[in-house]
Amino acid sequence: MVENKVPIPYRDQCAHLLIPLNKCRQAEFYLPWKCENERHSYEKCEYELVMERMLLMQKMRQEQKNNQQTQSIPLIPKTANA
């Protein structure tokens, strides 16, 4: 990644697709209608990563919500009703 000058924020699980995309962009002078296959595969990979993180965050929130419900302090102590 250092040899291909991939910026640190872009060094994720899709960096292997970014390298050929950037090479294609430089070879084609960044024309928007060129390198469509490479761009599509890179953007699809990034989209899947975002969706994966969203699902993970949703599961974490659900677990946290379940833990708060089971560990909540009762408003009326059990001894008050006895």
PDB file of N, CA and C in Angstrom:
ATOM      1  N   MET A   1       0.823  -1.196   0.000  1.00  0.00           N
ATOM      2  CA  MET A   1       0.000   0.000   0.000  1.00  0.00           C
ATOM      3  C   MET A   1       0.861   1.251   0.000  1.00  0.00           C
ATOM      4  N   VAL A   2       2.004   1.173   0.665  1.00  0.00           N
ATOM      5  CA  VAL A   2       2.915   2.318   0.680  1.00  0.00           C
ATOM      6  C   VAL A   2       3.458   2.546  -0.724  1.00  0.00           C
ATOM      7  N   GLU A   3       3.821   1.453  -1.423  1.00  0.00           N
ATOM      8  CA  GLU A   3       4.359   1.584  -2.778  1.00  0.00           C
ATOM      9  C   GLU A   3       3.339   2.203  -3.736  1.00  0.00           C
ATOM     10  N   ASN A   4       2.081   1.876  -3.536  1.00  0.00           N
ATOM     11  CA  ASN A   4       1.021   2.392  -4.406  1.00  0.00           C
ATOM     12  C   ASN A   4       0.435   3.706  -3.913  1.00  0.00           C
ATOM     13  N   LYS A   5       0.982   4.231  -2.816  1.00  0.00           N
ATOM     14  CA  LYS A   5       0.590   5.528  -2.266  1.00  0.00           C
ATOM     15  C   LYS A   5      -0.904   5.599  -1.934  1.00  0.00           C
ATOM     16  N   VAL A   6      -1.377   4.555  -1.272  1.00  0.00           N
ATOM     17  CA  VAL A   6      -2.761   4.553  -0.825  1.00  0.00           C
ATOM     18  C   VAL A   6      -2.823   5.369   0.458  1.00  0.00           C
ATOM     19  N   PRO A   7      -3.647   6.416   0.525  1.00  0.00           N
ATOM     20  CA  PRO A   7      -3.752   7.226   1.744  1.00  0.00           C
ATOM     21  C   PRO A   7      -4.234   6.373   2.922  1.00  0.00           C
ATOM     22  N   ILE A   8      -3.775   6.695   4.102  1.00  0.00           N
ATOM     23  CA  ILE A   8      -4.085   5.913   5.297  1.00  0.00           C
ATOM     24  C   ILE A   8      -5.599   5.767   5.524  1.00  0.00           C
ATOM     25  N   PRO A   9      -6.414   6.812   5.349  1.00  0.00           N
ATOM     26  CA  PRO A   9      -7.863   6.609   5.580  1.00  0.00           C
ATOM     27  C   PRO A   9      -8.503   5.589   4.629  1.00  0.00           C
ATOM     28  N   TYR A  10      -7.881   5.306   3.500  1.00  0.00           N
ATOM     29  CA  TYR A  10      -8.444   4.386   2.519  1.00  0.00           C
ATOM     30  C   TYR A  10      -7.883   2.972   2.656  1.00  0.00           C
ATOM     31  N   ARG A  11      -7.070   2.728   3.648  1.00  0.00           N
ATOM     32  CA  ARG A  11      -6.476   1.399   3.845  1.00  0.00           C
ATOM     33  C   ARG A  11      -7.419   0.532   4.666  1.00  0.00           C
ATOM     34  N   ASP A  12      -8.448   0.077   4.019  1.00  0.00           N
ATOM     35  CA  ASP A  12      -9.413  -0.790   4.686  1.00  0.00           C
ATOM     36  C   ASP A  12      -9.470  -2.114   3.931  1.00  0.00           C
ATOM     37  N   GLN A  13     -10.549  -2.833   4.092  1.00  0.00           N
ATOM     38  CA  GLN A  13     -10.678  -4.139   3.461  1.00  0.00           C
ATOM     39  C   GLN A  13     -10.892  -4.048   1.959  1.00  0.00           C
ATOM     40  N   CYS A  14     -11.099  -2.860   1.437  1.00  0.00           N
ATOM     41  CA  CYS A  14     -11.309  -2.679   0.001  1.00  0.00           C
ATOM     42  C   CYS A  14     -10.094  -2.056  -0.694  1.00  0.00           C
ATOM     43  N   ALA A  15      -9.008  -1.919   0.012  1.00  0.00           N
ATOM     44  CA  ALA A  15      -7.822  -1.273  -0.560  1.00  0.00           C
ATOM     45  C   ALA A  15      -7.272  -2.061  -1.742  1.00  0.00           C
ATOM     46  N   HIS A  16      -7.465  -3.377  -1.727  1.00  0.00           N
ATOM     47  CA  HIS A  16      -6.973  -4.186  -2.847  1.00  0.00           C
ATOM     48  C   HIS A  16      -7.698  -3.851  -4.143  1.00  0.00           C
ATOM     49  N   LEU A  17      -8.877  -3.271  -4.063  1.00  0.00           N
ATOM     50  CA  LEU A  17      -9.612  -2.839  -5.252  1.00  0.00           C
ATOM     51  C   LEU A  17      -9.303  -1.392  -5.620  1.00  0.00           C
ATOM     52  N   LEU A  18      -8.869  -0.615  -4.648  1.00  0.00           N
ATOM     53  CA  LEU A  18      -8.558   0.788  -4.899  1.00  0.00           C
ATOM     54  C   LEU A  18      -7.274   0.948  -5.709  1.00  0.00           C
ATOM     55  N   ILE A  19      -6.322   0.068  -5.507  1.00  0.00           N
ATOM     56  CA  ILE A  19      -5.029   0.174  -6.198  1.00  0.00           C
ATOM     57  C   ILE A  19      -5.206   0.086  -7.717  1.00  0.00           C
ATOM     58  N   PRO A  20      -5.869  -0.953  -8.257  1.00  0.00           N
ATOM     59  CA  PRO A  20      -6.050  -0.963  -9.719  1.00  0.00           C
ATOM     60  C   PRO A  20      -6.952   0.171 -10.219  1.00  0.00           C
ATOM     61  N   LEU A  21      -7.897   0.595  -9.384  1.00  0.00           N
ATOM     62  CA  LEU A  21      -8.760   1.711  -9.776  1.00  0.00           C
ATOM     63  C   LEU A  21      -7.937   2.985  -9.945  1.00  0.00           C
ATOM     64  N   ASN A  22      -7.072   3.274  -8.990  1.00  0.00           N
ATOM     65  CA  ASN A  22      -6.249   4.482  -9.095  1.00  0.00           C
ATOM     66  C   ASN A  22      -5.290   4.406 -10.274  1.00  0.00           C
ATOM     67  N   LYS A  23      -4.738   3.232 -10.545  1.00  0.00           N
ATOM     68  CA  LYS A  23      -3.851   3.079 -11.708  1.00  0.00           C
ATOM     69  C   LYS A  23      -4.617   3.322 -12.997  1.00  0.00           C
ATOM     70  N   CYS A  24      -5.829   2.795 -13.064  1.00  0.00           N
ATOM     71  CA  CYS A  24      -6.662   3.010 -14.249  1.00  0.00           C
ATOM     72  C   CYS A  24      -7.010   4.491 -14.396  1.00  0.00           C
ATOM     73  N   ARG A  25      -7.355   5.123 -13.298  1.00  0.00           N
ATOM     74  CA  ARG A  25      -7.695   6.557 -13.346  1.00  0.00           C
ATOM     75  C   ARG A  25      -6.532   7.381 -13.868  1.00  0.00           C
ATOM     76  N   GLN A  26      -5.334   7.092 -13.390  1.00  0.00           N
ATOM     77  CA  GLN A  26      -4.164   7.846 -13.843  1.00  0.00           C
ATOM     78  C   GLN A  26      -3.887   7.573 -15.319  1.00  0.00           C
ATOM     79  N   ALA A  27      -4.049   6.338 -15.755  1.00  0.00           N
ATOM     80  CA  ALA A  27      -3.796   5.993 -17.152  1.00  0.00           C
ATOM     81  C   ALA A  27      -4.827   6.620 -18.081  1.00  0.00           C
ATOM     82  N   GLU A  28      -6.035   6.796 -17.598  1.00  0.00           N
ATOM     83  CA  GLU A  28      -7.123   7.342 -18.424  1.00  0.00           C
ATOM     84  C   GLU A  28      -7.392   8.816 -18.145  1.00  0.00           C
ATOM     85  N   PHE A  29      -6.500   9.475 -17.431  1.00  0.00           N
ATOM     86  CA  PHE A  29      -6.600  10.907 -17.134  1.00  0.00           C
ATOM     87  C   PHE A  29      -7.889  11.274 -16.400  1.00  0.00           C
ATOM     88  N   TYR A  30      -8.341  10.387 -15.521  1.00  0.00           N
ATOM     89  CA  TYR A  30      -9.501  10.616 -14.655  1.00  0.00           C
ATOM     90  C   TYR A  30     -10.793  10.915 -15.421  1.00  0.00           C
ATOM     91  N   LEU A  31     -10.921  10.372 -16.611  1.00  0.00           N
ATOM     92  CA  LEU A  31     -12.168  10.549 -17.357  1.00  0.00           C
ATOM     93  C   LEU A  31     -13.267   9.748 -16.673  1.00  0.00           C
ATOM     94  N   PRO A  32     -14.409  10.376 -16.409  1.00  0.00           N
ATOM     95  CA  PRO A  32     -15.436   9.719 -15.597  1.00  0.00           C
ATOM     96  C   PRO A  32     -16.057   8.486 -16.248  1.00  0.00           C
ATOM     97  N   TRP A  33     -16.040   8.371 -17.561  1.00  0.00           N
ATOM     98  CA  TRP A  33     -16.657   7.228 -18.223  1.00  0.00           C
ATOM     99  C   TRP A  33     -15.673   6.071 -18.398  1.00  0.00           C
ATOM    100  N   LYS A  34     -14.460   6.254 -17.952  1.00  0.00           N
ATOM    101  CA  LYS A  34     -13.467   5.176 -17.999  1.00  0.00           C
ATOM    102  C   LYS A  34     -13.417   4.478 -16.645  1.00  0.00           C
ATOM    103  N   CYS A  35     -12.871   3.301 -16.591  1.00  0.00           N
ATOM    104  CA  CYS A  35     -12.639   2.538 -15.357  1.00  0.00           C
ATOM    105  C   CYS A  35     -13.935   2.246 -14.600  1.00  0.00           C
ATOM    106  N   GLU A  36     -15.022   2.087 -15.331  1.00  0.00           N
ATOM    107  CA  GLU A  36     -16.314   1.873 -14.677  1.00  0.00           C
ATOM    108  C   GLU A  36     -16.359   0.554 -13.909  1.00  0.00           C
ATOM    109  N   ASN A  37     -15.770  -0.511 -14.460  1.00  0.00           N
ATOM    110  CA  ASN A  37     -15.809  -1.806 -13.774  1.00  0.00           C
ATOM    111  C   ASN A  37     -15.036  -1.757 -12.467  1.00  0.00           C
ATOM    112  N   GLU A  38     -13.866  -1.133 -12.503  1.00  0.00           N
ATOM    113  CA  GLU A  38     -13.051  -1.026 -11.295  1.00  0.00           C
ATOM    114  C   GLU A  38     -13.746  -0.171 -10.240  1.00  0.00           C
ATOM    115  N   ARG A  39     -14.336   0.946 -10.687  1.00  0.00           N
ATOM    116  CA  ARG A  39     -15.026   1.830  -9.753  1.00  0.00           C
ATOM    117  C   ARG A  39     -16.246   1.139  -9.140  1.00  0.00           C
ATOM    118  N   HIS A  40     -16.980   0.426  -9.950  1.00  0.00           N
ATOM    119  CA  HIS A  40     -18.163  -0.273  -9.451  1.00  0.00           C
ATOM    120  C   HIS A  40     -17.782  -1.332  -8.418  1.00  0.00           C
ATOM    121  N   SER A  41     -16.751  -2.095  -8.693  1.00  0.00           N
ATOM    122  CA  SER A  41     -16.353  -3.136  -7.735  1.00  0.00           C
ATOM    123  C   SER A  41     -15.849  -2.520  -6.435  1.00  0.00           C
ATOM    124  N   TYR A  42     -15.126  -1.397  -6.523  1.00  0.00           N
ATOM    125  CA  TYR A  42     -14.638  -0.733  -5.313  1.00  0.00           C
ATOM    126  C   TYR A  42     -15.805  -0.145  -4.510  1.00  0.00           C
ATOM    127  N   GLU A  43     -16.730   0.524  -5.177  1.00  0.00           N
ATOM    128  CA  GLU A  43     -17.868   1.127  -4.480  1.00  0.00           C
ATOM    129  C   GLU A  43     -18.783   0.065  -3.878  1.00  0.00           C
ATOM    130  N   LYS A  44     -18.928  -1.057  -4.555  1.00  0.00           N
ATOM    131  CA  LYS A  44     -19.732  -2.150  -4.006  1.00  0.00           C
ATOM    132  C   LYS A  44     -19.087  -2.700  -2.737  1.00  0.00           C
ATOM    133  N   CYS A  45     -17.780  -2.848  -2.753  1.00  0.00           N
ATOM    134  CA  CYS A  45     -17.059  -3.322  -1.572  1.00  0.00           C
ATOM    135  C   CYS A  45     -17.240  -2.345  -0.414  1.00  0.00           C
ATOM    136  N   GLU A  46     -17.101  -1.067  -0.674  1.00  0.00           N
ATOM    137  CA  GLU A  46     -17.277  -0.057   0.370  1.00  0.00           C
ATOM    138  C   GLU A  46     -18.713  -0.070   0.908  1.00  0.00           C
ATOM    139  N   TYR A  47     -19.687  -0.226   0.024  1.00  0.00           N
ATOM    140  CA  TYR A  47     -21.081  -0.281   0.446  1.00  0.00           C
ATOM    141  C   TYR A  47     -21.322  -1.480   1.366  1.00  0.00           C
ATOM    142  N   GLU A  48     -20.768  -2.625   0.990  1.00  0.00           N
ATOM    143  CA  GLU A  48     -20.933  -3.820   1.818  1.00  0.00           C
ATOM    144  C   GLU A  48     -20.273  -3.649   3.184  1.00  0.00           C
ATOM    145  N   LEU A  49     -19.143  -2.958   3.242  1.00  0.00           N
ATOM    146  CA  LEU A  49     -18.505  -2.691   4.527  1.00  0.00           C
ATOM    147  C   LEU A  49     -19.382  -1.798   5.406  1.00  0.00           C
ATOM    148  N   VAL A  50     -19.963  -0.784   4.812  1.00  0.00           N
ATOM    149  CA  VAL A  50     -20.836   0.119   5.567  1.00  0.00           C
ATOM    150  C   VAL A  50     -22.050  -0.637   6.084  1.00  0.00           C
ATOM    151  N   MET A  51     -22.656  -1.467   5.245  1.00  0.00           N
ATOM    152  CA  MET A  51     -23.819  -2.238   5.669  1.00  0.00           C
ATOM    153  C   MET A  51     -23.454  -3.215   6.786  1.00  0.00           C
ATOM    154  N   GLU A  52     -22.282  -3.808   6.691  1.00  0.00           N
ATOM    155  CA  GLU A  52     -21.821  -4.727   7.735  1.00  0.00           C
ATOM    156  C   GLU A  52     -21.653  -3.995   9.068  1.00  0.00           C
ATOM    157  N   ARG A  53     -21.064  -2.795   9.016  1.00  0.00           N
ATOM    158  CA  ARG A  53     -20.899  -2.007  10.247  1.00  0.00           C
ATOM    159  C   ARG A  53     -22.244  -1.576  10.815  1.00  0.00           C
ATOM    160  N   MET A  54     -23.190  -1.235   9.942  1.00  0.00           N
ATOM    161  CA  MET A  54     -24.510  -0.841  10.415  1.00  0.00           C
ATOM    162  C   MET A  54     -25.216  -2.000  11.110  1.00  0.00           C
ATOM    163  N   LEU A  55     -25.129  -3.190  10.543  1.00  0.00           N
ATOM    164  CA  LEU A  55     -25.750  -4.351  11.171  1.00  0.00           C
ATOM    165  C   LEU A  55     -25.103  -4.666  12.508  1.00  0.00           C
ATOM    166  N   LEU A  56     -23.794  -4.559  12.570  1.00  0.00           N
ATOM    167  CA  LEU A  56     -23.086  -4.802  13.826  1.00  0.00           C
ATOM    168  C   LEU A  56     -23.507  -3.788  14.879  1.00  0.00           C
ATOM    169  N   MET A  57     -23.620  -2.526  14.499  1.00  0.00           N
ATOM    170  CA  MET A  57     -24.030  -1.490  15.439  1.00  0.00           C
ATOM    171  C   MET A  57     -25.474  -1.711  15.894  1.00  0.00           C
ATOM    172  N   GLN A  58     -26.322  -2.142  14.987  1.00  0.00           N
ATOM    173  CA  GLN A  58     -27.712  -2.414  15.335  1.00  0.00           C
ATOM    174  C   GLN A  58     -27.787  -3.561  16.345  1.00  0.00           C
ATOM    175  N   LYS A  59     -27.002  -4.605  16.152  1.00  0.00           N
ATOM    176  CA  LYS A  59     -26.966  -5.720  17.102  1.00  0.00           C
ATOM    177  C   LYS A  59     -26.449  -5.263  18.463  1.00  0.00           C
ATOM    178  N   MET A  60     -25.420  -4.418  18.455  1.00  0.00           N
ATOM    179  CA  MET A  60     -24.877  -3.918  19.713  1.00  0.00           C
ATOM    180  C   MET A  60     -25.913  -3.093  20.465  1.00  0.00           C
ATOM    181  N   ARG A  61     -26.648  -2.248  19.755  1.00  0.00           N
ATOM    182  CA  ARG A  61     -27.685  -1.440  20.392  1.00  0.00           C
ATOM    183  C   ARG A  61     -28.795  -2.306  20.960  1.00  0.00           C
ATOM    184  N   GLN A  62     -29.181  -3.339  20.204  1.00  0.00           N
ATOM    185  CA  GLN A  62     -30.229  -4.238  20.675  1.00  0.00           C
ATOM    186  C   GLN A  62     -29.782  -4.976  21.935  1.00  0.00           C
ATOM    187  N   GLU A  63     -28.535  -5.446  21.961  1.00  0.00           N
ATOM    188  CA  GLU A  63     -28.010  -6.120  23.142  1.00  0.00           C
ATOM    189  C   GLU A  63     -27.960  -5.173  24.335  1.00  0.00           C
ATOM    190  N   GLN A  64     -27.544  -3.946  24.087  1.00  0.00           N
ATOM    191  CA  GLN A  64     -27.473  -2.961  25.156  1.00  0.00           C
ATOM    192  C   GLN A  64     -28.876  -2.665  25.696  1.00  0.00           C
ATOM    193  N   LYS A  65     -29.837  -2.567  24.815  1.00  0.00           N
ATOM    194  CA  LYS A  65     -31.217  -2.306  25.226  1.00  0.00           C
ATOM    195  C   LYS A  65     -31.745  -3.478  26.055  1.00  0.00           C
ATOM    196  N   ASN A  66     -31.452  -4.701  25.636  1.00  0.00           N
ATOM    197  CA  ASN A  66     -31.894  -5.876  26.387  1.00  0.00           C
ATOM    198  C   ASN A  66     -31.232  -5.935  27.755  1.00  0.00           C
ATOM    199  N   ASN A  67     -29.959  -5.588  27.837  1.00  0.00           N
ATOM    200  CA  ASN A  67     -29.254  -5.597  29.117  1.00  0.00           C
ATOM    201  C   ASN A  67     -29.812  -4.545  30.067  1.00  0.00           C
ATOM    202  N   GLN A  68     -30.179  -3.392  29.553  1.00  0.00           N
ATOM    203  CA  GLN A  68     -30.728  -2.333  30.394  1.00  0.00           C
ATOM    204  C   GLN A  68     -32.091  -2.723  30.935  1.00  0.00           C
ATOM    205  N   GLN A  69     -32.874  -3.429  30.146  1.00  0.00           N
ATOM    206  CA  GLN A  69     -34.206  -3.834  30.599  1.00  0.00           C
ATOM    207  C   GLN A  69     -34.118  -4.894  31.689  1.00  0.00           C
ATOM    208  N   THR A  70     -33.172  -5.810  31.579  1.00  0.00           N
ATOM    209  CA  THR A  70     -33.075  -6.882  32.569  1.00  0.00           C
ATOM    210  C   THR A  70     -32.384  -6.426  33.840  1.00  0.00           C
ATOM    211  N   GLN A  71     -31.551  -5.406  33.770  1.00  0.00           N
ATOM    212  CA  GLN A  71     -30.798  -4.954  34.925  1.00  0.00           C
ATOM    213  C   GLN A  71     -31.355  -3.669  35.529  1.00  0.00           C
ATOM    214  N   SER A  72     -32.554  -3.297  35.170  1.00  0.00           N
ATOM    215  CA  SER A  72     -33.098  -2.046  35.676  1.00  0.00           C
ATOM    216  C   SER A  72     -33.504  -2.200  37.143  1.00  0.00           C
ATOM    217  N   ILE A  73     -33.462  -1.115  37.848  1.00  0.00           N
ATOM    218  CA  ILE A  73     -33.853  -1.088  39.257  1.00  0.00           C
ATOM    219  C   ILE A  73     -35.368  -0.951  39.324  1.00  0.00           C
ATOM    220  N   PRO A  74     -36.052  -1.835  40.049  1.00  0.00           N
ATOM    221  CA  PRO A  74     -37.515  -1.734  40.120  1.00  0.00           C
ATOM    222  C   PRO A  74     -37.938  -0.474  40.856  1.00  0.00           C
ATOM    223  N   LEU A  75     -39.032   0.107  40.415  1.00  0.00           N
ATOM    224  CA  LEU A  75     -39.526   1.333  41.043  1.00  0.00           C
ATOM    225  C   LEU A  75     -40.117   1.062  42.421  1.00  0.00           C
ATOM    226  N   ILE A  76     -40.752  -0.084  42.569  1.00  0.00           N
ATOM    227  CA  ILE A  76     -41.347  -0.439  43.861  1.00  0.00           C
ATOM    228  C   ILE A  76     -40.559  -1.637  44.415  1.00  0.00           C
ATOM    229  N   PRO A  77     -39.896  -1.489  45.526  1.00  0.00           N
ATOM    230  CA  PRO A  77     -39.148  -2.623  46.080  1.00  0.00           C
ATOM    231  C   PRO A  77     -40.080  -3.771  46.433  1.00  0.00           C
ATOM    232  N   LYS A  78     -39.576  -4.976  46.369  1.00  0.00           N
ATOM    233  CA  LYS A  78     -40.392  -6.157  46.660  1.00  0.00           C
ATOM    234  C   LYS A  78     -40.855  -6.177  48.125  1.00  0.00           C
ATOM    235  N   THR A  79     -40.076  -5.617  49.016  1.00  0.00           N
ATOM    236  CA  THR A  79     -40.444  -5.620  50.438  1.00  0.00           C
ATOM    237  C   THR A  79     -41.586  -4.664  50.736  1.00  0.00           C
ATOM    238  N   ALA A  80     -41.846  -3.680  49.907  1.00  0.00           N
ATOM    239  CA  ALA A  80     -42.910  -2.709  50.150  1.00  0.00           C
ATOM    240  C   ALA A  80     -44.286  -3.344  49.996  1.00  0.00           C
ATOM    241  N   ASN A  81     -44.416  -4.357  49.169  1.00  0.00           N
ATOM    242  CA  ASN A  81     -45.708  -5.007  48.948  1.00  0.00           C
ATOM    243  C   ASN A  81     -45.996  -6.082  49.986  1.00  0.00           C
ATOM    244  N   ALA A  82     -45.037  -6.467  50.770  1.00  0.00           N
ATOM    245  CA  ALA A  82     -45.227  -7.573  51.718  1.00  0.00           C
ATOM    246  C   ALA A  82     -46.008  -7.187  52.941  1.00  0.00           C
TER     247      ALA A  82
END
